[in-house]
Amino acid sequence: MTDLPGRENDPNENPFAMFGDPEQIAAAMRQFADMLSAPQSSGPVNWDMAKNIARHVVAAEGDPSVMEGERRQIVDALNLADLWLNEATALPSGVNNPQAWSRSEWIEKTVPVWRQLCDPVAARMVETMSGALGATGLPAEAQAMAGPLMGMMKQMGSMLVGQQIGQALGSLAREVVGSTDIGLPLSENAALLPGGIAAFGQGLETPAEEIRIYLALREAAHHRLFQHVPWLRAHLLGAVEEYARGITVDVSALEEQLRGLDVNNPEQLQQVLSGGNLLKPEETERQKAALARLETMLALVEGWVGTVVDGAADGKLPSSVALAETVRR
């Protein structure tokens, strides 16, 4: 390339710079390939594609398998935490078959609950979008002809929602430490992620064992509460479903984002598909009320867990107060 005018003295010129950042292009092409190759979904979310994209996200920063020594440390911490909790609450144990997961395993094992949480919202979004952009107002003959198009529209909506959920799950998997970080148990088994615990402890002047036991206390406390207060989980999921019933999509904004989209431009595709705004619903007063109920219940759950964990750790973990403050932040 140095024989081109103006480049004689630029030996470090990247001949492929005109195409943009190779890593970004590769990431965009992987996402686009997932969309094209994903099997058709019978539901509102293409979960096969969502899981593939989420795994790509965590693999990009490394996701080593859990070693046997790490697994033993996690299992021992959860069992010890469960014994300590016996002194702090009358609720019986909720820990059965304690486990240690990698980030990819967290994605795979928590998807069934994510489906319960996301499908009602996604179904309403896809239904609203396809109905608004479909054959509304057309003559009966035109509506019949538009049937296959409507099916394709719903399939595309399922893929778009799956893409966005996959991005979100992949990002969340890099931050979580167990199966209950969002306030709901995402698995029937108590579990912690060695990678998540290590990331949580970075910069803390606290022994790794104390950090592991404190996070095990929180994990075990959540499982006690949800296993022995059976209406609580259904109440929280009901708030999510109530939120979903009021969803509407700003179709004009959707059309504006899709207008002029160049499918041959990987960077533009990545920006639009991962921006989180493509299917962003409009929030109604009904939804705000449902969201307020959900936030209130999650705050009550967190308050109970924090109180029980503080009681169980008192006199046993010297750094429990500092760790509780770190969790709150």
C-alpha atoms as a PDB file:
ATOM      1  CA  MET A   1       0.000   0.000   0.000  1.00  0.00           C
ATOM      2  CA  THR A   2       2.993   2.317   0.346  1.00  0.00           C
ATOM      3  CA  ASP A   3       3.090   2.963  -3.420  1.00  0.00           C
ATOM      4  CA  LEU A   4      -0.173   4.933  -3.266  1.00  0.00           C
ATOM      5  CA  PRO A   5       0.080   8.736  -3.339  1.00  0.00           C
ATOM      6  CA  GLY A   6       0.414  10.235   0.118  1.00  0.00           C
ATOM      7  CA  ARG A   7       1.264   6.933   1.819  1.00  0.00           C
ATOM      8  CA  GLU A   8       4.967   6.708   1.007  1.00  0.00           C
ATOM      9  CA  ASN A   9       5.960   7.598   4.611  1.00  0.00           C
ATOM     10  CA  ASP A  10       3.263   5.689   6.439  1.00  0.00           C
ATOM     11  CA  PRO A  11       4.619   2.152   6.928  1.00  0.00           C
ATOM     12  CA  ASN A  12       2.148   1.465   9.759  1.00  0.00           C
ATOM     13  CA  GLU A  13      -0.869   2.084   7.550  1.00  0.00           C
ATOM     14  CA  ASN A  14      -3.499  -0.623   8.118  1.00  0.00           C
ATOM     15  CA  PRO A  15      -4.729  -1.619   4.651  1.00  0.00           C
ATOM     16  CA  PHE A  16      -8.032  -2.801   6.176  1.00  0.00           C
ATOM     17  CA  ALA A  17      -8.704   0.308   8.258  1.00  0.00           C
ATOM     18  CA  MET A  18     -11.354   1.450   5.782  1.00  0.00           C
ATOM     19  CA  PHE A  19     -13.508  -1.480   6.885  1.00  0.00           C
ATOM     20  CA  GLY A  20     -13.560  -0.451  10.572  1.00  0.00           C
ATOM     21  CA  ASP A  21     -12.559  -2.324  13.728  1.00  0.00           C
ATOM     22  CA  PRO A  22     -12.131  -6.021  12.764  1.00  0.00           C
ATOM     23  CA  GLU A  23     -13.302  -7.223  16.201  1.00  0.00           C
ATOM     24  CA  GLN A  24     -16.504  -5.173  16.014  1.00  0.00           C
ATOM     25  CA  ILE A  25     -17.162  -6.379  12.477  1.00  0.00           C
ATOM     26  CA  ALA A  26     -16.584  -9.995  13.536  1.00  0.00           C
ATOM     27  CA  ALA A  27     -18.956  -9.613  16.497  1.00  0.00           C
ATOM     28  CA  ALA A  28     -21.614  -8.065  14.274  1.00  0.00           C
ATOM     29  CA  MET A  29     -21.270 -10.806  11.668  1.00  0.00           C
ATOM     30  CA  ARG A  30     -21.556 -13.519  14.339  1.00  0.00           C
ATOM     31  CA  GLN A  31     -24.783 -11.943  15.604  1.00  0.00           C
ATOM     32  CA  PHE A  32     -26.135 -11.607  12.078  1.00  0.00           C
ATOM     33  CA  ALA A  33     -25.187 -15.216  11.319  1.00  0.00           C
ATOM     34  CA  ASP A  34     -26.998 -16.343  14.474  1.00  0.00           C
ATOM     35  CA  MET A  35     -30.116 -14.550  13.284  1.00  0.00           C
ATOM     36  CA  LEU A  36     -29.969 -16.108   9.819  1.00  0.00           C
ATOM     37  CA  SER A  37     -29.183 -19.637  11.012  1.00  0.00           C
ATOM     38  CA  ALA A  38     -31.415 -19.734  14.090  1.00  0.00           C
ATOM     39  CA  PRO A  39     -34.202 -22.333  13.902  1.00  0.00           C
ATOM     40  CA  GLN A  40     -37.729 -20.994  13.714  1.00  0.00           C
ATOM     41  CA  SER A  41     -39.304 -20.309  17.093  1.00  0.00           C
ATOM     42  CA  SER A  42     -42.836 -21.264  18.070  1.00  0.00           C
ATOM     43  CA  GLY A  43     -42.929 -18.632  20.819  1.00  0.00           C
ATOM     44  CA  PRO A  44     -42.475 -14.869  21.134  1.00  0.00           C
ATOM     45  CA  VAL A  45     -38.720 -15.197  21.791  1.00  0.00           C
ATOM     46  CA  ASN A  46     -36.208 -17.200  19.780  1.00  0.00           C
ATOM     47  CA  TRP A  47     -34.476 -18.665  22.814  1.00  0.00           C
ATOM     48  CA  ASP A  48     -31.982 -20.748  20.829  1.00  0.00           C
ATOM     49  CA  MET A  49     -30.624 -17.561  19.318  1.00  0.00           C
ATOM     50  CA  ALA A  50     -30.782 -15.709  22.644  1.00  0.00           C
ATOM     51  CA  LYS A  51     -28.630 -18.393  24.304  1.00  0.00           C
ATOM     52  CA  ASN A  52     -26.119 -18.409  21.432  1.00  0.00           C
ATOM     53  CA  ILE A  53     -25.700 -14.636  21.566  1.00  0.00           C
ATOM     54  CA  ALA A  54     -25.420 -14.642  25.372  1.00  0.00           C
ATOM     55  CA  ARG A  55     -22.672 -17.267  25.181  1.00  0.00           C
ATOM     56  CA  HIS A  56     -20.821 -15.200  22.572  1.00  0.00           C
ATOM     57  CA  VAL A  57     -20.933 -12.225  24.938  1.00  0.00           C
ATOM     58  CA  VAL A  58     -19.434 -14.093  27.918  1.00  0.00           C
ATOM     59  CA  ALA A  59     -16.895 -15.968  25.777  1.00  0.00           C
ATOM     60  CA  ALA A  60     -15.559 -12.667  24.414  1.00  0.00           C
ATOM     61  CA  GLU A  61     -14.006 -11.903  27.829  1.00  0.00           C
ATOM     62  CA  GLY A  62     -13.155 -15.471  28.788  1.00  0.00           C
ATOM     63  CA  ASP A  63     -15.289 -18.009  30.626  1.00  0.00           C
ATOM     64  CA  PRO A  64     -13.129 -20.800  32.076  1.00  0.00           C
ATOM     65  CA  SER A  65     -14.727 -24.000  33.291  1.00  0.00           C
ATOM     66  CA  VAL A  66     -15.124 -24.497  37.038  1.00  0.00           C
ATOM     67  CA  MET A  67     -12.250 -26.537  38.441  1.00  0.00           C
ATOM     68  CA  GLU A  68     -12.863 -29.296  40.984  1.00  0.00           C
ATOM     69  CA  GLY A  69     -11.169 -27.349  43.763  1.00  0.00           C
ATOM     70  CA  GLU A  70     -13.394 -24.341  43.100  1.00  0.00           C
ATOM     71  CA  ARG A  71     -16.466 -26.550  43.070  1.00  0.00           C
ATOM     72  CA  ARG A  72     -15.602 -27.994  46.488  1.00  0.00           C
ATOM     73  CA  GLN A  73     -15.054 -24.517  47.937  1.00  0.00           C
ATOM     74  CA  ILE A  74     -18.465 -23.347  46.707  1.00  0.00           C
ATOM     75  CA  VAL A  75     -20.308 -26.439  47.956  1.00  0.00           C
ATOM     76  CA  ASP A  76     -18.617 -26.210  51.363  1.00  0.00           C
ATOM     77  CA  ALA A  77     -19.438 -22.495  51.639  1.00  0.00           C
ATOM     78  CA  LEU A  78     -23.111 -23.050  50.824  1.00  0.00           C
ATOM     79  CA  ASN A  79     -23.420 -25.917  53.287  1.00  0.00           C
ATOM     80  CA  LEU A  80     -21.728 -23.901  56.044  1.00  0.00           C
ATOM     81  CA  ALA A  81     -23.899 -20.867  55.306  1.00  0.00           C
ATOM     82  CA  ASP A  82     -26.992 -23.040  55.526  1.00  0.00           C
ATOM     83  CA  LEU A  83     -25.957 -24.205  59.016  1.00  0.00           C
ATOM     84  CA  TRP A  84     -25.410 -20.628  60.178  1.00  0.00           C
ATOM     85  CA  LEU A  85     -28.828 -19.587  58.896  1.00  0.00           C
ATOM     86  CA  ASN A  86     -30.461 -22.141  61.204  1.00  0.00           C
ATOM     87  CA  GLU A  87     -29.605 -19.804  64.075  1.00  0.00           C
ATOM     88  CA  ALA A  88     -31.054 -16.710  62.386  1.00  0.00           C
ATOM     89  CA  THR A  89     -34.424 -17.817  60.986  1.00  0.00           C
ATOM     90  CA  ALA A  90     -37.162 -20.328  61.727  1.00  0.00           C
ATOM     91  CA  LEU A  91     -37.538 -21.148  58.028  1.00  0.00           C
ATOM     92  CA  PRO A  92     -35.998 -24.547  57.266  1.00  0.00           C
ATOM     93  CA  SER A  93     -33.179 -25.142  54.821  1.00  0.00           C
ATOM     94  CA  GLY A  94     -33.695 -24.399  51.153  1.00  0.00           C
ATOM     95  CA  VAL A  95     -30.317 -25.649  49.947  1.00  0.00           C
ATOM     96  CA  ASN A  96     -30.426 -28.896  48.014  1.00  0.00           C
ATOM     97  CA  ASN A  97     -27.708 -30.089  45.672  1.00  0.00           C
ATOM     98  CA  PRO A  98     -25.503 -26.935  45.923  1.00  0.00           C
ATOM     99  CA  GLN A  99     -23.615 -26.210  42.718  1.00  0.00           C
ATOM    100  CA  ALA A 100     -20.803 -24.129  41.207  1.00  0.00           C
ATOM    101  CA  TRP A 101     -21.333 -22.702  37.720  1.00  0.00           C
ATOM    102  CA  SER A 102     -19.375 -21.017  34.990  1.00  0.00           C
ATOM    103  CA  ARG A 103     -21.020 -18.008  33.344  1.00  0.00           C
ATOM    104  CA  SER A 104     -22.132 -20.126  30.379  1.00  0.00           C
ATOM    105  CA  GLU A 105     -23.689 -22.650  32.761  1.00  0.00           C
ATOM    106  CA  TRP A 106     -25.535 -19.797  34.503  1.00  0.00           C
ATOM    107  CA  ILE A 107     -27.061 -18.833  31.138  1.00  0.00           C
ATOM    108  CA  GLU A 108     -28.073 -22.400  30.301  1.00  0.00           C
ATOM    109  CA  LYS A 109     -29.512 -23.253  33.716  1.00  0.00           C
ATOM    110  CA  THR A 110     -31.463 -20.029  34.267  1.00  0.00           C
ATOM    111  CA  VAL A 111     -33.158 -19.789  30.850  1.00  0.00           C
ATOM    112  CA  PRO A 112     -36.332 -21.669  31.983  1.00  0.00           C
ATOM    113  CA  VAL A 113     -37.093 -18.940  34.533  1.00  0.00           C
ATOM    114  CA  TRP A 114     -36.108 -16.169  32.123  1.00  0.00           C
ATOM    115  CA  ARG A 115     -38.677 -17.631  29.743  1.00  0.00           C
ATOM    116  CA  GLN A 116     -41.352 -17.267  32.421  1.00  0.00           C
ATOM    117  CA  LEU A 117     -40.308 -13.682  33.032  1.00  0.00           C
ATOM    118  CA  CYS A 118     -39.734 -12.554  29.454  1.00  0.00           C
ATOM    119  CA  ASP A 119     -42.272 -14.447  27.341  1.00  0.00           C
ATOM    120  CA  PRO A 120     -45.361 -12.494  28.541  1.00  0.00           C
ATOM    121  CA  VAL A 121     -43.626  -9.173  27.845  1.00  0.00           C
ATOM    122  CA  ALA A 122     -42.146 -10.329  24.533  1.00  0.00           C
ATOM    123  CA  ALA A 123     -45.450 -11.845  23.361  1.00  0.00           C
ATOM    124  CA  ARG A 124     -47.239  -8.569  23.876  1.00  0.00           C
ATOM    125  CA  MET A 125     -44.477  -6.599  22.138  1.00  0.00           C
ATOM    126  CA  VAL A 126     -44.321  -8.911  19.105  1.00  0.00           C
ATOM    127  CA  GLU A 127     -48.116  -9.068  18.846  1.00  0.00           C
ATOM    128  CA  THR A 128     -48.409  -5.286  18.976  1.00  0.00           C
ATOM    129  CA  MET A 129     -45.607  -4.740  16.480  1.00  0.00           C
ATOM    130  CA  SER A 130     -46.802  -7.297  13.917  1.00  0.00           C
ATOM    131  CA  GLY A 131     -50.399  -6.140  14.227  1.00  0.00           C
ATOM    132  CA  ALA A 132     -49.494  -2.496  13.746  1.00  0.00           C
ATOM    133  CA  LEU A 133     -47.202  -3.104  10.795  1.00  0.00           C
ATOM    134  CA  GLY A 134     -49.333  -5.816   9.222  1.00  0.00           C
ATOM    135  CA  ALA A 135     -52.577  -5.926   7.316  1.00  0.00           C
ATOM    136  CA  THR A 136     -54.722  -3.670   9.520  1.00  0.00           C
ATOM    137  CA  GLY A 137     -57.186  -1.727   7.413  1.00  0.00           C
ATOM    138  CA  LEU A 138     -56.647  -3.747   4.250  1.00  0.00           C
ATOM    139  CA  PRO A 139     -59.483  -5.380   2.282  1.00  0.00           C
ATOM    140  CA  ALA A 140     -60.302  -8.998   3.139  1.00  0.00           C
ATOM    141  CA  GLU A 141     -58.554 -10.294  -0.012  1.00  0.00           C
ATOM    142  CA  ALA A 142     -55.401  -8.355   0.808  1.00  0.00           C
ATOM    143  CA  GLN A 143     -55.444  -9.561   4.405  1.00  0.00           C
ATOM    144  CA  ALA A 144     -55.609 -13.185   3.219  1.00  0.00           C
ATOM    145  CA  MET A 145     -52.660 -12.602   0.901  1.00  0.00           C
ATOM    146  CA  ALA A 146     -50.744 -10.942   3.725  1.00  0.00           C
ATOM    147  CA  GLY A 147     -51.020 -14.028   5.954  1.00  0.00           C
ATOM    148  CA  PRO A 148     -47.550 -15.423   5.118  1.00  0.00           C
ATOM    149  CA  LEU A 149     -46.080 -11.946   5.531  1.00  0.00           C
ATOM    150  CA  MET A 150     -47.632 -11.654   8.977  1.00  0.00           C
ATOM    151  CA  GLY A 151     -46.076 -14.976   9.947  1.00  0.00           C
ATOM    152  CA  MET A 152     -42.701 -13.755   8.758  1.00  0.00           C
ATOM    153  CA  MET A 153     -43.184 -10.510  10.697  1.00  0.00           C
ATOM    154  CA  LYS A 154     -43.826 -12.443  13.899  1.00  0.00           C
ATOM    155  CA  GLN A 155     -40.790 -14.625  13.247  1.00  0.00           C
ATOM    156  CA  MET A 156     -38.627 -11.547  12.712  1.00  0.00           C
ATOM    157  CA  GLY A 157     -40.003 -10.021  15.899  1.00  0.00           C
ATOM    158  CA  SER A 158     -39.128 -13.222  17.766  1.00  0.00           C
ATOM    159  CA  MET A 159     -35.575 -13.012  16.440  1.00  0.00           C
ATOM    160  CA  LEU A 160     -35.168  -9.323  17.289  1.00  0.00           C
ATOM    161  CA  VAL A 161     -36.422  -9.828  20.833  1.00  0.00           C
ATOM    162  CA  GLY A 162     -34.222 -12.919  21.177  1.00  0.00           C
ATOM    163  CA  GLN A 163     -31.221 -10.894  20.042  1.00  0.00           C
ATOM    164  CA  GLN A 164     -31.819  -8.197  22.610  1.00  0.00           C
ATOM    165  CA  ILE A 165     -32.481 -10.682  25.423  1.00  0.00           C
ATOM    166  CA  GLY A 166     -29.313 -12.569  24.474  1.00  0.00           C
ATOM    167  CA  GLN A 167     -27.275  -9.373  24.742  1.00  0.00           C
ATOM    168  CA  ALA A 168     -28.835  -8.604  28.127  1.00  0.00           C
ATOM    169  CA  LEU A 169     -28.293 -12.119  29.521  1.00  0.00           C
ATOM    170  CA  GLY A 170     -24.688 -12.162  28.340  1.00  0.00           C
ATOM    171  CA  SER A 171     -23.979  -8.830  30.025  1.00  0.00           C
ATOM    172  CA  LEU A 172     -25.738  -9.915  33.213  1.00  0.00           C
ATOM    173  CA  ALA A 173     -23.840 -13.218  33.312  1.00  0.00           C
ATOM    174  CA  ARG A 174     -20.585 -11.253  33.577  1.00  0.00           C
ATOM    175  CA  GLU A 175     -21.846  -9.504  36.740  1.00  0.00           C
ATOM    176  CA  VAL A 176     -23.794 -12.077  38.769  1.00  0.00           C
ATOM    177  CA  VAL A 177     -22.378 -14.160  41.625  1.00  0.00           C
ATOM    178  CA  GLY A 178     -25.220 -16.671  42.031  1.00  0.00           C
ATOM    179  CA  SER A 179     -28.735 -17.721  41.066  1.00  0.00           C
ATOM    180  CA  THR A 180     -30.607 -15.096  43.118  1.00  0.00           C
ATOM    181  CA  ASP A 181     -28.941 -11.772  42.261  1.00  0.00           C
ATOM    182  CA  ILE A 182     -32.072 -10.292  40.690  1.00  0.00           C
ATOM    183  CA  GLY A 183     -34.160 -11.046  43.771  1.00  0.00           C
ATOM    184  CA  LEU A 184     -35.774 -14.155  42.273  1.00  0.00           C
ATOM    185  CA  PRO A 185     -34.289 -17.652  42.415  1.00  0.00           C
ATOM    186  CA  LEU A 186     -33.428 -18.463  38.811  1.00  0.00           C
ATOM    187  CA  SER A 187     -32.849 -22.128  39.669  1.00  0.00           C
ATOM    188  CA  GLU A 188     -34.195 -24.706  42.101  1.00  0.00           C
ATOM    189  CA  ASN A 189     -30.616 -25.315  43.235  1.00  0.00           C
ATOM    190  CA  ALA A 190     -28.487 -22.879  45.215  1.00  0.00           C
ATOM    191  CA  ALA A 191     -25.438 -22.017  43.111  1.00  0.00           C
ATOM    192  CA  LEU A 192     -22.522 -19.602  43.029  1.00  0.00           C
ATOM    193  CA  LEU A 193     -20.139 -18.594  40.228  1.00  0.00           C
ATOM    194  CA  PRO A 194     -16.423 -18.654  41.149  1.00  0.00           C
ATOM    195  CA  GLY A 195     -15.743 -16.147  38.361  1.00  0.00           C
ATOM    196  CA  GLY A 196     -18.451 -13.810  39.631  1.00  0.00           C
ATOM    197  CA  ILE A 197     -17.173 -14.038  43.214  1.00  0.00           C
ATOM    198  CA  ALA A 198     -13.629 -13.243  42.072  1.00  0.00           C
ATOM    199  CA  ALA A 199     -14.867 -10.187  40.158  1.00  0.00           C
ATOM    200  CA  PHE A 200     -16.935  -9.062  43.168  1.00  0.00           C
ATOM    201  CA  GLY A 201     -13.897  -9.293  45.445  1.00  0.00           C
ATOM    202  CA  GLN A 202     -11.522  -7.301  43.247  1.00  0.00           C
ATOM    203  CA  GLY A 203     -10.184  -4.303  45.148  1.00  0.00           C
ATOM    204  CA  LEU A 204     -11.622  -5.465  48.496  1.00  0.00           C
ATOM    205  CA  GLU A 205      -9.179  -5.947  51.347  1.00  0.00           C
ATOM    206  CA  THR A 206     -11.125  -8.947  52.597  1.00  0.00           C
ATOM    207  CA  PRO A 207     -10.086 -12.619  52.656  1.00  0.00           C
ATOM    208  CA  ALA A 208     -11.517 -14.542  49.716  1.00  0.00           C
ATOM    209  CA  GLU A 209     -12.999 -17.172  52.045  1.00  0.00           C
ATOM    210  CA  GLU A 210     -15.027 -14.563  53.955  1.00  0.00           C
ATOM    211  CA  ILE A 211     -16.348 -13.096  50.694  1.00  0.00           C
ATOM    212  CA  ARG A 212     -17.355 -16.559  49.488  1.00  0.00           C
ATOM    213  CA  ILE A 213     -19.158 -17.439  52.740  1.00  0.00           C
ATOM    214  CA  TYR A 214     -20.964 -14.079  52.896  1.00  0.00           C
ATOM    215  CA  LEU A 215     -22.271 -14.441  49.337  1.00  0.00           C
ATOM    216  CA  ALA A 216     -23.211 -18.054  50.136  1.00  0.00           C
ATOM    217  CA  LEU A 217     -25.281 -16.761  53.081  1.00  0.00           C
ATOM    218  CA  ARG A 218     -27.228 -14.463  50.758  1.00  0.00           C
ATOM    219  CA  GLU A 219     -27.758 -17.220  48.215  1.00  0.00           C
ATOM    220  CA  ALA A 220     -28.939 -19.720  50.826  1.00  0.00           C
ATOM    221  CA  ALA A 221     -31.217 -17.147  52.505  1.00  0.00           C
ATOM    222  CA  HIS A 222     -32.981 -16.374  49.236  1.00  0.00           C
ATOM    223  CA  HIS A 223     -33.634 -20.060  48.632  1.00  0.00           C
ATOM    224  CA  ARG A 224     -35.077 -20.529  52.117  1.00  0.00           C
ATOM    225  CA  LEU A 225     -37.479 -17.664  51.624  1.00  0.00           C
ATOM    226  CA  PHE A 226     -38.754 -18.658  48.194  1.00  0.00           C
ATOM    227  CA  GLN A 227     -39.066 -22.359  48.942  1.00  0.00           C
ATOM    228  CA  HIS A 228     -41.028 -21.887  52.172  1.00  0.00           C
ATOM    229  CA  VAL A 229     -43.136 -18.841  51.264  1.00  0.00           C
ATOM    230  CA  PRO A 230     -44.656 -20.373  48.108  1.00  0.00           C
ATOM    231  CA  TRP A 231     -46.991 -17.490  47.194  1.00  0.00           C
ATOM    232  CA  LEU A 232     -44.097 -15.017  46.923  1.00  0.00           C
ATOM    233  CA  ARG A 233     -42.662 -16.290  43.653  1.00  0.00           C
ATOM    234  CA  ALA A 234     -46.110 -16.391  42.011  1.00  0.00           C
ATOM    235  CA  HIS A 235     -46.809 -12.864  43.233  1.00  0.00           C
ATOM    236  CA  LEU A 236     -43.637 -11.513  41.644  1.00  0.00           C
ATOM    237  CA  LEU A 237     -44.222 -13.323  38.351  1.00  0.00           C
ATOM    238  CA  GLY A 238     -47.803 -12.022  38.386  1.00  0.00           C
ATOM    239  CA  ALA A 239     -46.508  -8.458  38.602  1.00  0.00           C
ATOM    240  CA  VAL A 240     -44.388  -9.100  35.501  1.00  0.00           C
ATOM    241  CA  GLU A 241     -47.413 -10.473  33.626  1.00  0.00           C
ATOM    242  CA  GLU A 242     -49.508  -7.477  34.689  1.00  0.00           C
ATOM    243  CA  TYR A 243     -46.777  -5.214  33.345  1.00  0.00           C
ATOM    244  CA  ALA A 244     -46.871  -7.105  30.039  1.00  0.00           C
ATOM    245  CA  ARG A 245     -50.625  -6.682  29.552  1.00  0.00           C
ATOM    246  CA  GLY A 246     -50.292  -2.928  29.239  1.00  0.00           C
ATOM    247  CA  ILE A 247     -47.507  -2.900  26.663  1.00  0.00           C
ATOM    248  CA  THR A 248     -47.774  -0.832  23.513  1.00  0.00           C
ATOM    249  CA  VAL A 249     -45.043  -0.210  20.960  1.00  0.00           C
ATOM    250  CA  ASP A 250     -44.361   3.139  19.302  1.00  0.00           C
ATOM    251  CA  VAL A 251     -44.714   1.907  15.728  1.00  0.00           C
ATOM    252  CA  SER A 252     -43.705   5.226  14.162  1.00  0.00           C
ATOM    253  CA  ALA A 253     -40.431   5.148  16.088  1.00  0.00           C
ATOM    254  CA  LEU A 254     -39.889   1.523  15.024  1.00  0.00           C
ATOM    255  CA  GLU A 255     -40.453   2.388  11.376  1.00  0.00           C
ATOM    256  CA  GLU A 256     -38.057   5.319  11.714  1.00  0.00           C
ATOM    257  CA  GLN A 257     -35.283   3.061  13.027  1.00  0.00           C
ATOM    258  CA  LEU A 258     -35.827   0.455  10.310  1.00  0.00           C
ATOM    259  CA  ARG A 259     -36.027   3.010   7.515  1.00  0.00           C
ATOM    260  CA  GLY A 260     -32.765   3.183   5.626  1.00  0.00           C
ATOM    261  CA  LEU A 261     -31.217   0.223   7.491  1.00  0.00           C
ATOM    262  CA  ASP A 262     -28.425  -1.201   5.328  1.00  0.00           C
ATOM    263  CA  VAL A 263     -28.250  -4.987   5.845  1.00  0.00           C
ATOM    264  CA  ASN A 264     -24.830  -4.954   4.181  1.00  0.00           C
ATOM    265  CA  ASN A 265     -23.408  -2.692   6.908  1.00  0.00           C
ATOM    266  CA  PRO A 266     -22.387  -4.922   9.860  1.00  0.00           C
ATOM    267  CA  GLU A 267     -21.576  -1.988  12.171  1.00  0.00           C
ATOM    268  CA  GLN A 268     -24.973  -0.384  11.562  1.00  0.00           C
ATOM    269  CA  LEU A 269     -26.726  -3.713  12.139  1.00  0.00           C
ATOM    270  CA  GLN A 270     -24.863  -4.223  15.409  1.00  0.00           C
ATOM    271  CA  GLN A 271     -25.707  -0.704  16.582  1.00  0.00           C
ATOM    272  CA  VAL A 272     -29.421  -1.037  15.798  1.00  0.00           C
ATOM    273  CA  LEU A 273     -29.863  -4.608  17.075  1.00  0.00           C
ATOM    274  CA  SER A 274     -27.880  -4.203  20.299  1.00  0.00           C
ATOM    275  CA  GLY A 275     -28.965  -0.687  21.172  1.00  0.00           C
ATOM    276  CA  GLY A 276     -31.936  -1.883  23.210  1.00  0.00           C
ATOM    277  CA  ASN A 277     -34.341   0.644  21.664  1.00  0.00           C
ATOM    278  CA  LEU A 278     -35.624  -1.241  18.636  1.00  0.00           C
ATOM    279  CA  LEU A 279     -38.596  -2.753  20.445  1.00  0.00           C
ATOM    280  CA  LYS A 280     -38.677  -0.408  23.428  1.00  0.00           C
ATOM    281  CA  PRO A 281     -42.283  -0.256  24.680  1.00  0.00           C
ATOM    282  CA  GLU A 282     -44.115   2.849  25.778  1.00  0.00           C
ATOM    283  CA  GLU A 283     -44.764   2.794  29.532  1.00  0.00           C
ATOM    284  CA  THR A 284     -48.369   3.337  30.621  1.00  0.00           C
ATOM    285  CA  GLU A 285     -49.791   4.235  34.032  1.00  0.00           C
ATOM    286  CA  ARG A 286     -50.943   0.640  34.450  1.00  0.00           C
ATOM    287  CA  GLN A 287     -47.422  -0.557  33.857  1.00  0.00           C
ATOM    288  CA  LYS A 288     -45.946   1.991  36.243  1.00  0.00           C
ATOM    289  CA  ALA A 289     -48.275   0.699  38.985  1.00  0.00           C
ATOM    290  CA  ALA A 290     -47.283  -2.935  38.280  1.00  0.00           C
ATOM    291  CA  LEU A 291     -43.618  -1.967  38.254  1.00  0.00           C
ATOM    292  CA  ALA A 292     -43.999  -0.147  41.586  1.00  0.00           C
ATOM    293  CA  ARG A 293     -45.547  -3.284  43.141  1.00  0.00           C
ATOM    294  CA  LEU A 294     -42.730  -5.406  41.768  1.00  0.00           C
ATOM    295  CA  GLU A 295     -40.052  -3.046  43.098  1.00  0.00           C
ATOM    296  CA  THR A 296     -41.736  -2.918  46.512  1.00  0.00           C
ATOM    297  CA  MET A 297     -41.831  -6.717  46.817  1.00  0.00           C
ATOM    298  CA  LEU A 298     -38.203  -7.041  45.693  1.00  0.00           C
ATOM    299  CA  ALA A 299     -37.211  -4.428  48.280  1.00  0.00           C
ATOM    300  CA  LEU A 300     -39.025  -6.411  50.991  1.00  0.00           C
ATOM    301  CA  VAL A 301     -37.269  -9.596  49.887  1.00  0.00           C
ATOM    302  CA  GLU A 302     -33.906  -7.831  50.004  1.00  0.00           C
ATOM    303  CA  GLY A 303     -34.694  -6.396  53.438  1.00  0.00           C
ATOM    304  CA  TRP A 304     -35.519  -9.835  54.854  1.00  0.00           C
ATOM    305  CA  VAL A 305     -32.421 -11.423  53.306  1.00  0.00           C
ATOM    306  CA  GLY A 306     -30.171  -8.627  54.577  1.00  0.00           C
ATOM    307  CA  THR A 307     -31.539  -8.877  58.123  1.00  0.00           C
ATOM    308  CA  VAL A 308     -31.241 -12.672  58.297  1.00  0.00           C
ATOM    309  CA  VAL A 309     -27.742 -12.686  56.796  1.00  0.00           C
ATOM    310  CA  ASP A 310     -26.565  -9.987  59.217  1.00  0.00           C
ATOM    311  CA  GLY A 311     -27.851 -12.078  62.116  1.00  0.00           C
ATOM    312  CA  ALA A 312     -26.232 -15.272  60.841  1.00  0.00           C
ATOM    313  CA  ALA A 313     -22.865 -13.599  60.180  1.00  0.00           C
ATOM    314  CA  ASP A 314     -22.716 -11.660  63.452  1.00  0.00           C
ATOM    315  CA  GLY A 315     -19.731 -12.818  65.489  1.00  0.00           C
ATOM    316  CA  LYS A 316     -18.610 -15.237  62.754  1.00  0.00           C
ATOM    317  CA  LEU A 317     -17.537 -13.053  59.816  1.00  0.00           C
ATOM    318  CA  PRO A 318     -15.473 -10.030  60.888  1.00  0.00           C
ATOM    319  CA  SER A 319     -15.987  -8.314  57.530  1.00  0.00           C
ATOM    320  CA  SER A 320     -19.754  -8.916  57.254  1.00  0.00           C
ATOM    321  CA  VAL A 321     -20.686  -5.253  57.862  1.00  0.00           C
ATOM    322  CA  ALA A 322     -18.282  -4.026  55.177  1.00  0.00           C
ATOM    323  CA  LEU A 323     -19.461  -6.710  52.742  1.00  0.00           C
ATOM    324  CA  ALA A 324     -23.098  -5.812  53.370  1.00  0.00           C
ATOM    325  CA  GLU A 325     -22.290  -2.202  52.485  1.00  0.00           C
ATOM    326  CA  THR A 326     -20.509  -3.323  49.313  1.00  0.00           C
ATOM    327  CA  VAL A 327     -23.585  -5.333  48.265  1.00  0.00           C
ATOM    328  CA  ARG A 328     -25.871  -2.354  48.919  1.00  0.00           C
ATOM    329  CA  ARG A 329     -23.716  -0.172  46.716  1.00  0.00           C
END
